[in-house]
Amino acid sequence: MPVTREYRSIDETRSALAGRLDRARAICLFDRLEWYAALHADCLADRPLRIVQVADGGAEAWMFLTEQPGRRLSALANWYSFAWRPIFLDAPDPAAQDRLLEILARGLARDCAQIDFYPVALPASLSAPFRRAGWFSVQRPLGGRYLLHLHGRDFAAYWATRPGRLRNIVRRKGKGQSLDISITDRVTDALWRDYENVHARSWKEPEPGLAFLRGLAARESKAGSLRLGFARREGRAVATQLWTVENGVALIHKLSHDRAHDDGSPGTLLSHAMFRHAIDVDQVATIDYGTGDNPYKTDWMETRQTLHRVDCFNPRFASSWIPAARTAISALVG
């Protein structure tokens, strides 16, 4: 008999999970309880948590969600999330996963009018069980995620396939520059001040989640999976990048450069060093540039994975009818 439970705090969830979504057992950063705990505390603390679990025959499914006004729920995710998905424990097969999600969807239908999930890589895996549970579901492509699969290549073989324009920039800008590049797996207060100083001088808007990134850097530093890169000119940091490397996958979380040094392309030269380190030193199989269709990513990556937003509407609540119609029309017209 399936058992469904809900939790409204990270502490309750941590007790229920008993370590099963800790680093040692969850190989993907974005599946870990510590990821969700930090994301909620540092970025989405104004939204109440609603974490749902269903267990059936030893297999489990978990959804990390937040509540919004009007009986609405959203995936616990934001721009730092490369993708969001339900989390399954005890390795249920696809049919069992589908069944667990349908049970969750039926339970949520009792008091929820709308749910939105984003960013989702496999939208049908969500929309199908929700539809069977009586929800109206709309899935729409919304942005992409850029990936590089090395297939055993070393950096030299990979670099030889990059666009000539990019290789020429690295060759020309790298000549005769007094640029000191360093990559460390440990963060210190001094290094983080350098990171913040570069970001403040970059093209980016003020970072709303510096506390979140600082916590991420600290946790991954402790685990040895942080790769914090700097390009310095005359001792001053002019470009920085925050990566993590774990289980054969490198994740590119953030990059910034000082706009006053654009002519020297320090960000591009730092990227060249970071990619080389990840491929030849860490020997990763995959590099993930995360979400966002920034044109420069196509110079470095080879695969674009389409991401989707999945909106589910509960017809039992009249408040969902008009939003459902608008969303369906929007999906049709693109």
Foldseek 3Di string as FASTA:
>chain_A
DKDKDKDFDLVVVCVVCVCCQPCVNPQDPLSHSVLLNLLCVQPNVVWTWIKMKMDDPHKMKIFTWTDDPPLEIEGSDDQLDLADDIDMPPDDDLVVLLVNLLVVLLVSLVRHFKYKYPFHQDQCSNQVSNVVSQWDKDKAWDFWWFKAFQVPDALVVLVVPFDPVLVVLLVVLVPPAQKDKDKDLADDPVVLVLVQVQQVQFPDDPDSRSVSVVVVSHVRSVVSFWIWMFIDHPRHTFKIWIWGDGPQEIETRDITGHPVCVVSVPRSNNVSVVVNCCCPVVVHRMYIDGTDPDPVSVSNGDDIRTTMMMMIGRVVDPVRPVVSVVSVVVRVVD
